[in-house]
Protein backbone atom coordinates (compact mmCIF):
# COMPACT_ATOMS: atom_id res chain seq x y z
CA MET A 1 -39.46 102.23 14.68
CA ASP A 2 -37.72 100.77 17.46
CA THR A 3 -34.32 102.61 16.36
CA VAL A 4 -36.84 105.79 16.29
CA ASN A 5 -38.69 105.31 19.76
CA TYR A 6 -34.96 104.67 21.33
CA ASN A 7 -33.45 108.16 19.76
CA ILE A 8 -37.17 109.48 21.06
CA ASP A 9 -36.55 108.25 24.67
CA ARG A 10 -32.72 109.31 25.04
CA ALA A 11 -33.42 112.85 24.11
CA LEU A 12 -36.62 113.83 25.52
CA PHE A 13 -38.42 110.99 28.02
CA ARG A 14 -35.27 109.18 30.18
CA PRO A 15 -33.65 112.84 30.60
CA VAL A 16 -37.06 114.25 31.63
CA ALA A 17 -37.62 111.41 34.13
CA SER A 18 -34.23 111.47 35.59
CA ALA A 19 -34.62 114.81 36.28
CA TYR A 20 -38.26 114.15 38.07
CA THR A 21 -37.03 111.31 40.21
CA ALA A 22 -33.79 113.84 41.26
CA LEU A 23 -35.66 116.92 42.01
CA THR A 24 -39.13 114.95 43.30
CA PRO A 25 -38.38 113.59 46.69
CA GLN A 26 -39.09 109.88 47.11
CA PRO A 27 -42.50 110.26 49.13
CA ALA A 28 -44.01 112.56 47.16
CA ARG A 29 -43.15 110.41 43.92
CA THR A 30 -44.75 107.12 46.02
CA CYS A 31 -48.06 108.96 46.60
CA ILE A 32 -48.32 110.53 42.85
CA HIS A 33 -47.33 106.91 42.01
CA ASN A 34 -50.07 105.26 44.50
CA MET A 35 -52.71 107.10 43.29
CA PHE A 36 -52.08 107.03 39.59
CA ASN A 37 -52.31 102.78 40.80
CA ASN A 38 -55.34 103.36 42.54
CA VAL A 39 -57.08 105.03 39.85
CA GLY A 40 -55.81 102.12 37.33
CA ASP A 41 -57.03 99.51 40.04
CA ILE A 42 -61.04 100.26 38.62
CA TRP A 43 -59.33 99.31 34.80
CA SER A 44 -58.32 96.08 36.48
CA ALA A 45 -61.46 95.63 38.31
CA THR A 46 -63.32 96.07 35.19
CA ASN A 47 -61.48 93.68 33.48
CA SER A 48 -61.56 91.29 36.21
CA PHE A 49 -65.88 91.80 35.54
CA LEU A 50 -65.23 91.02 32.30
CA GLN A 51 -63.04 87.77 32.42
CA GLY A 52 -65.51 86.70 34.41
CA ARG A 53 -63.46 86.75 38.07
CA PRO A 54 -65.93 87.98 40.51
CA HIS A 55 -63.72 87.00 43.65
CA ASP A 56 -61.08 89.46 41.68
CA PHE A 57 -63.52 92.12 40.68
CA PHE A 58 -64.84 92.71 44.37
CA ASN A 59 -61.35 92.36 45.81
CA THR A 60 -59.70 95.04 43.40
CA LEU A 61 -62.79 97.28 43.82
CA GLY A 62 -62.19 96.81 48.23
CA ARG A 63 -58.80 97.69 47.46
CA VAL A 64 -60.07 100.86 45.66
CA LEU A 65 -62.61 102.03 48.35
CA PHE A 66 -59.65 101.16 51.24
CA ASN A 67 -56.33 103.37 49.21
CA SER A 68 -59.15 106.09 48.53
CA THR A 69 -60.58 106.14 51.87
CA MET A 70 -57.91 105.47 54.88
CA GLY A 71 -55.13 105.85 51.90
CA LEU A 72 -56.26 109.57 51.45
CA GLY A 73 -57.30 109.21 48.25
CA GLY A 74 -54.32 106.20 47.00
CA CYS A 75 -51.52 108.63 48.74
CA PHE A 76 -50.51 105.52 51.05
CA ASP A 77 -51.57 102.28 49.95
CA VAL A 78 -52.76 100.83 53.14
CA ALA A 79 -54.81 97.44 51.54
CA SER A 80 -51.16 96.19 50.22
CA LYS A 81 -49.54 96.60 53.87
CA ASN A 82 -52.76 94.51 54.77
CA GLY A 83 -52.08 91.78 52.94
CA SER A 84 -54.39 92.98 49.97
CA ARG A 85 -52.30 93.01 46.62
CA ARG A 86 -52.67 93.95 43.25
CA ILE A 87 -54.38 92.26 40.33
CA SER A 88 -53.12 93.49 37.14
CA ASN A 89 -55.42 93.32 34.63
CA ASP A 90 -56.28 95.62 31.30
CA PHE A 91 -58.05 95.32 27.99
CA GLY A 92 -55.30 92.81 26.38
CA THR A 93 -55.21 90.24 28.96
CA THR A 94 -59.33 90.22 28.63
CA LEU A 95 -58.71 89.55 24.97
CA GLY A 96 -56.75 87.03 25.28
CA VAL A 97 -58.59 84.86 28.27
CA TRP A 98 -61.49 85.30 25.66
CA GLY A 99 -59.40 83.44 23.33
CA PHE A 100 -57.90 86.27 20.43
CA PRO A 101 -54.78 85.73 19.54
CA THR A 102 -51.68 87.82 20.48
CA GLY A 103 -50.53 87.87 17.08
CA PRO A 104 -47.40 89.46 15.62
CA TYR A 105 -44.73 91.26 18.01
CA VAL A 106 -44.78 94.82 17.18
CA VAL A 107 -42.84 98.09 18.38
CA LEU A 108 -45.76 101.33 18.02
CA PRO A 109 -44.12 104.84 18.03
CA LEU A 110 -43.35 106.15 20.92
CA ILE A 111 -45.33 103.45 23.24
CA GLY A 112 -42.51 100.66 22.21
CA PRO A 113 -43.85 97.03 22.32
CA SER A 114 -46.75 95.24 22.31
CA THR A 115 -48.56 92.86 19.73
CA VAL A 116 -51.73 93.46 17.52
CA ARG A 117 -54.04 91.94 20.30
CA ASP A 118 -52.29 94.74 22.89
CA THR A 119 -52.29 97.02 19.99
CA ALA A 120 -56.20 96.87 19.65
CA SER A 121 -56.78 96.57 23.29
CA LEU A 122 -55.31 100.26 23.26
CA ALA A 123 -58.04 101.45 21.43
CA THR A 124 -60.39 101.47 24.56
CA VAL A 125 -58.18 104.08 25.79
CA ALA A 126 -57.33 106.58 22.28
CA LEU A 127 -61.30 105.63 21.89
CA ASP A 128 -62.05 106.31 25.22
CA VAL A 129 -65.16 103.68 24.64
CA GLU A 130 -67.68 104.07 27.32
CA GLY A 131 -65.41 105.74 29.48
CA PHE A 132 -63.73 102.84 30.21
CA SER A 133 -59.79 102.69 30.35
CA ARG A 134 -56.54 103.35 32.74
CA VAL A 135 -57.07 107.21 31.74
CA ALA A 136 -60.68 107.52 31.75
CA PRO A 137 -60.76 109.14 35.00
CA ILE A 138 -58.12 111.83 34.06
CA THR A 139 -59.56 112.31 30.18
CA ALA A 140 -62.57 113.25 31.94
CA ILE A 141 -61.39 116.80 33.20
CA LYS A 142 -63.02 119.30 31.81
CA ASN A 143 -60.29 122.09 32.68
CA VAL A 144 -58.04 121.48 29.51
CA PRO A 145 -54.82 122.64 31.31
CA VAL A 146 -55.33 120.78 34.35
CA ARG A 147 -55.97 117.75 32.64
CA ASN A 148 -52.76 117.63 30.18
CA SER A 149 -50.80 118.51 33.46
CA ILE A 150 -52.12 115.42 35.27
CA LEU A 151 -51.66 113.13 31.93
CA ALA A 152 -47.97 114.76 31.57
CA LEU A 153 -47.46 113.70 34.89
CA TYR A 154 -48.68 110.48 34.45
CA LEU A 155 -46.55 109.62 31.94
CA VAL A 156 -43.61 110.64 33.54
CA ASP A 157 -44.61 108.57 36.72
CA VAL A 158 -44.39 105.46 34.53
CA ARG A 159 -41.89 106.22 32.47
CA ALA A 160 -39.64 107.10 35.93
CA ASN A 161 -40.59 103.98 37.37
CA LEU A 162 -38.82 102.46 34.13
CA LEU A 163 -35.31 103.73 34.61
CA ASP A 164 -33.64 100.86 37.06
CA ALA A 165 -35.07 98.44 34.68
CA ASP A 166 -34.04 100.01 31.73
CA ASP A 167 -30.34 100.31 33.39
CA LEU A 168 -30.89 96.62 34.18
CA VAL A 169 -31.85 95.82 30.25
CA SER A 170 -28.80 97.76 29.92
CA ASP A 171 -26.25 95.78 31.37
CA VAL A 172 -27.36 92.24 31.17
CA ALA A 173 -28.42 92.28 27.76
CA LEU A 174 -26.55 91.42 24.59
CA ASP A 175 -29.43 91.74 22.59
CA ARG A 176 -31.79 94.79 24.04
CA TYR A 177 -34.47 94.39 21.52
CA SER A 178 -34.62 90.52 21.37
CA PHE A 179 -34.51 90.56 25.43
CA ILE A 180 -37.43 93.27 25.41
CA ARG A 181 -39.58 91.34 22.85
CA ASP A 182 -38.42 88.28 24.90
CA ALA A 183 -39.37 89.36 28.31
CA TYR A 184 -42.24 91.67 26.89
CA LEU A 185 -44.20 88.29 25.20
CA GLN A 186 -43.61 85.71 28.06
CA ARG A 187 -45.10 88.49 30.85
CA ARG A 188 -48.25 88.51 28.69
CA ASN A 189 -48.14 85.30 28.06
CA ALA A 190 -47.99 84.49 31.50
CA MET A 191 -50.92 87.36 31.76
CA VAL A 192 -53.37 85.23 30.21
CA GLU A 193 -52.58 81.75 31.04
CA GLY A 194 -52.72 83.13 34.98
CA ARG A 195 -56.16 84.36 34.54
CA ARG A 196 -57.31 81.49 32.45
CA GLN A 197 -55.60 79.27 35.25
CA GLY A 198 -57.57 81.18 38.05
CA SER A 199 -53.93 81.96 38.76
CA SER A 200 -51.80 85.33 39.06
CA PRO A 201 -48.67 84.90 36.47
CA ASP A 202 -46.63 85.73 40.03
CA ASP A 203 -47.41 81.86 40.33
CA LEU A 204 -46.07 81.01 37.61
CA ALA A 205 -42.26 81.64 38.21
CA LEU A 206 -42.07 84.08 35.51
CA PRO A 207 -40.36 87.81 36.20
CA ASP A 208 -42.55 91.09 36.10
CA TYR A 209 -41.53 93.28 33.64
CA SER A 210 -43.70 96.06 34.42
CA ASP A 211 -43.96 99.82 35.31
CA ASP A 212 -43.42 99.51 38.93
CA TYR A 213 -40.95 97.38 39.50
CA ASP A 214 -42.22 96.14 42.90
CA ASP A 215 -44.32 93.40 41.35
CA GLU A 216 -47.13 95.81 41.73
CA ASP A 217 -48.23 97.02 38.31
CA GLU A 218 -48.85 95.88 35.11
CA ALA A 219 -46.57 94.70 31.95
CA VAL A 220 -47.62 98.43 30.01
CA SER A 221 -44.25 99.90 28.99
CA PRO A 222 -44.82 103.30 27.41
CA ALA A 223 -40.93 102.93 27.47
CA PRO A 224 -39.01 101.98 23.83
CA ALA A 225 -36.87 99.18 23.05
CA ALA A 226 -33.50 99.33 21.27
CA ASN A 227 -31.01 97.66 19.98
């Protein structure tokens, strides 16, 4: 599966992401990425609530309100510029805080690195449980062409923000598969332990293998790994 993902990525997803990066001006890409992050913060706030972290919950909701108004719908991340950092969170982390074990490392078709626990959390996206998922506001759009276009743009944005990280792994990793596996597992464990200890994963001195590469996003990588 890892090899299949790698070949599909090199044939389709990476070229599309590279073309998007080359043809779209940086300010426009930043605006699009910030808007998707702003929507994702709603899901992060929900998970902070489920983890029993009211401080993070209200801080993240404040970020959403601030960026949605002063940041023109999230186009500008004014909250971060005013000292309010993004709090990365997802349901896989919530399951970890609740005590569910990580389970074996797996490579999912087209999605890439995951674990049994994180795969189970993806059901909230696939089933749109109670409307709670990172892409729930997008899937709620009734106009099918518009909804699908925004979802496609979201996926391209995520892959485009992994291009530099992908190049870095190719340059420094002797075994790409093992490097991505170990980095993914370390990051996910750091997120869970950080929530349990009341700290941020950044405080644990581990690298941020996220889709934003500026330590502002969560460690969910749709880009496939490769040998």
